[in-house]
Amino acid sequence: MKFGKYIKDNKIVVIIWIMFFVITFSIFSVFRIKFEAIVMYAALWLFAFIFSILWDFFRKKNYYDELINNTDGLDKKYFVSETMKEPSFYEGQIHYQILQDINKSMIENVKIYENSVNDFKDYVEMWVHEVKLPILSLRLMCHNEMIKWIKNM
């Protein structure tokens, strides 16, 4: 996850923060608040702004980097949801739940195909047994007829 792309994706939030600062600064100027108070406010605002952006960025970055690393390390990518921990942020929780649902769906589909293959195997085995009986009966009849023929000779 790149910080520049994160900022670009959250440009509305950044614009709102900056607009809030400009409006507050304008109000301070209109009411002739002391310059030192404005500087103190600006420093606190800047700290809060940077802290909130970095905190949100790094918690998302950690989750998505882990997701990418886990996916790269697997030969069967559909198991990635089994390697992940549920994230603490809401968007990540939605993403995590979707991955869990996809994994569950995939497992159910595999189970359906396994059951289908097992049913087909059972059908073939039953068919083979049903075909063996007439063949065995004919063979036994032929054997009995051959014995009768040999006795008659």
Protein backbone atom coordinates (compact mmCIF):
# COMPACT_ATOMS: atom_id res chain seq x y z
CA MET A 1 0.00 0.00 0.00
CA LYS A 2 1.44 3.34 -1.07
CA PHE A 3 0.97 6.47 1.01
CA GLY A 4 0.46 8.67 -2.06
CA LYS A 5 -2.32 6.46 -3.35
CA TYR A 6 -3.86 6.38 0.12
CA ILE A 7 -3.91 10.20 0.29
CA LYS A 8 -5.32 10.38 -3.23
CA ASP A 9 -8.04 7.92 -2.24
CA ASN A 10 -8.85 9.97 0.88
CA LYS A 11 -8.59 13.40 -0.74
CA ILE A 12 -12.08 14.40 0.43
CA VAL A 13 -11.10 13.78 4.06
CA VAL A 14 -7.90 15.79 3.59
CA ILE A 15 -9.82 18.63 1.93
CA ILE A 16 -12.34 18.69 4.80
CA TRP A 17 -9.51 18.85 7.35
CA ILE A 18 -7.86 21.72 5.47
CA MET A 19 -11.16 23.57 5.01
CA PHE A 20 -11.85 23.23 8.73
CA PHE A 21 -8.42 24.69 9.47
CA VAL A 22 -8.91 27.61 7.07
CA ILE A 23 -12.37 28.40 8.44
CA THR A 24 -11.15 28.24 12.02
CA PHE A 25 -8.11 30.36 11.17
CA SER A 26 -10.41 32.92 9.52
CA ILE A 27 -12.65 33.03 12.58
CA PHE A 28 -9.60 33.54 14.79
CA SER A 29 -8.48 36.41 12.56
CA VAL A 30 -11.91 38.06 12.63
CA PHE A 31 -12.01 37.94 16.42
CA ARG A 32 -8.39 39.09 16.62
CA ILE A 33 -7.15 36.15 18.61
CA LYS A 34 -3.52 36.46 19.64
CA PHE A 35 -0.98 35.17 17.16
CA GLU A 36 0.50 32.79 19.75
CA ALA A 37 -2.91 31.15 20.27
CA ILE A 38 -3.34 30.77 16.52
CA VAL A 39 0.11 29.17 16.24
CA MET A 40 -0.70 26.84 19.15
CA TYR A 41 -3.98 25.90 17.49
CA ALA A 42 -2.24 25.33 14.16
CA ALA A 43 0.34 23.07 15.82
CA LEU A 44 -2.35 21.05 17.60
CA TRP A 45 -4.40 20.85 14.42
CA LEU A 46 -1.38 19.71 12.41
CA PHE A 47 -0.52 17.07 15.01
CA ALA A 48 -4.11 15.75 15.06
CA PHE A 49 -4.28 15.76 11.27
CA ILE A 50 -0.98 13.94 10.75
CA PHE A 51 -1.67 11.47 13.57
CA SER A 52 -5.13 10.54 12.29
CA ILE A 53 -3.97 10.12 8.69
CA LEU A 54 -0.91 8.06 9.63
CA TRP A 55 -2.81 5.93 12.13
CA ASP A 56 -5.48 5.06 9.58
CA PHE A 57 -2.89 4.48 6.85
CA PHE A 58 -0.71 2.13 8.88
CA ARG A 59 -3.49 -0.03 10.25
CA LYS A 60 -4.83 -0.53 6.72
CA LYS A 61 -1.33 -0.96 5.31
CA ASN A 62 -0.54 -3.71 7.81
CA TYR A 63 -3.70 -5.62 6.92
CA TYR A 64 -3.32 -5.33 3.15
CA ASP A 65 0.42 -6.05 3.22
CA GLU A 66 -0.28 -9.19 5.26
CA LEU A 67 -3.00 -10.17 2.79
CA ILE A 68 -0.65 -9.70 -0.18
CA ASN A 69 2.22 -11.56 1.51
CA ASN A 70 -0.03 -14.45 2.52
CA THR A 71 -1.49 -14.67 -0.97
CA ASP A 72 1.96 -14.64 -2.56
CA GLY A 73 3.10 -17.41 -0.22
CA LEU A 74 0.30 -19.80 -1.09
CA ASP A 75 0.08 -22.08 -4.08
CA LYS A 76 -3.66 -22.47 -3.51
CA LYS A 77 -4.75 -18.85 -3.24
CA TYR A 78 -8.27 -19.68 -2.10
CA PHE A 79 -6.88 -20.62 1.33
CA VAL A 80 -5.78 -17.04 2.01
CA SER A 81 -8.74 -16.34 4.28
CA GLU A 82 -7.56 -19.15 6.56
CA THR A 83 -4.24 -17.36 7.08
CA MET A 84 -5.67 -13.95 7.94
CA LYS A 85 -6.64 -12.41 11.25
CA GLU A 86 -9.74 -10.27 11.41
CA PRO A 87 -8.71 -6.61 11.13
CA SER A 88 -9.71 -3.86 13.53
CA PHE A 89 -11.07 -1.41 10.97
CA TYR A 90 -14.55 -1.64 9.49
CA GLU A 91 -13.63 -1.80 5.79
CA GLY A 92 -11.16 -4.57 6.54
CA GLN A 93 -13.79 -6.47 8.51
CA ILE A 94 -16.12 -6.29 5.51
CA HIS A 95 -13.31 -7.49 3.25
CA TYR A 96 -12.41 -10.26 5.70
CA GLN A 97 -16.04 -11.41 5.90
CA ILE A 98 -16.27 -11.49 2.11
CA LEU A 99 -13.13 -13.63 1.96
CA GLN A 100 -14.63 -15.98 4.55
CA ASP A 101 -17.87 -16.23 2.55
CA ILE A 102 -15.94 -16.94 -0.65
CA ASN A 103 -13.94 -19.64 1.10
CA LYS A 104 -17.10 -21.20 2.53
CA SER A 105 -18.75 -21.17 -0.89
CA MET A 106 -15.71 -22.77 -2.49
CA ILE A 107 -15.65 -25.52 0.13
CA GLU A 108 -19.36 -26.18 -0.41
CA ASN A 109 -18.86 -26.41 -4.18
CA VAL A 110 -15.95 -28.82 -3.77
CA LYS A 111 -18.11 -30.93 -1.47
CA ILE A 112 -20.89 -30.99 -4.08
CA TYR A 113 -18.45 -32.20 -6.74
CA GLU A 114 -16.96 -34.79 -4.38
CA ASN A 115 -20.44 -36.10 -3.62
CA SER A 116 -21.21 -36.21 -7.33
CA VAL A 117 -18.05 -38.19 -8.04
CA ASN A 118 -18.77 -40.57 -5.16
CA ASP A 119 -22.34 -41.08 -6.39
CA PHE A 120 -21.04 -41.88 -9.87
CA LYS A 121 -18.51 -44.35 -8.45
CA ASP A 122 -21.28 -46.05 -6.50
CA TYR A 123 -23.41 -46.21 -9.62
CA VAL A 124 -20.60 -47.77 -11.66
CA GLU A 125 -19.85 -50.32 -8.93
CA MET A 126 -23.52 -51.26 -8.71
CA TRP A 127 -23.76 -51.55 -12.48
CA VAL A 128 -20.69 -53.79 -12.61
CA HIS A 129 -22.20 -56.09 -10.00
CA GLU A 130 -25.49 -56.23 -11.86
CA VAL A 131 -23.71 -57.07 -15.12
CA LYS A 132 -21.58 -59.74 -13.46
CA LEU A 133 -24.58 -61.80 -12.37
CA PRO A 134 -25.95 -62.56 -15.86
CA ILE A 135 -22.46 -63.19 -17.19
CA LEU A 136 -21.72 -65.54 -14.32
CA SER A 137 -25.05 -67.29 -14.84
CA LEU A 138 -24.32 -67.79 -18.53
CA ARG A 139 -20.87 -69.07 -17.75
CA LEU A 140 -22.25 -71.51 -15.21
CA MET A 141 -24.87 -72.66 -17.69
CA CYS A 142 -22.21 -73.18 -20.35
CA HIS A 143 -20.08 -75.09 -17.90
CA ASN A 144 -23.01 -77.31 -16.94
CA GLU A 145 -23.85 -77.91 -20.60
CA MET A 146 -20.26 -78.82 -21.33
CA ILE A 147 -20.26 -81.33 -18.49
CA LYS A 148 -23.49 -82.87 -19.84
CA TRP A 149 -22.02 -83.03 -23.31
CA ILE A 150 -18.85 -84.73 -22.02
CA LYS A 151 -20.94 -87.29 -20.09
CA ASN A 152 -23.00 -88.03 -23.17
CA MET A 153 -19.98 -88.78 -25.26
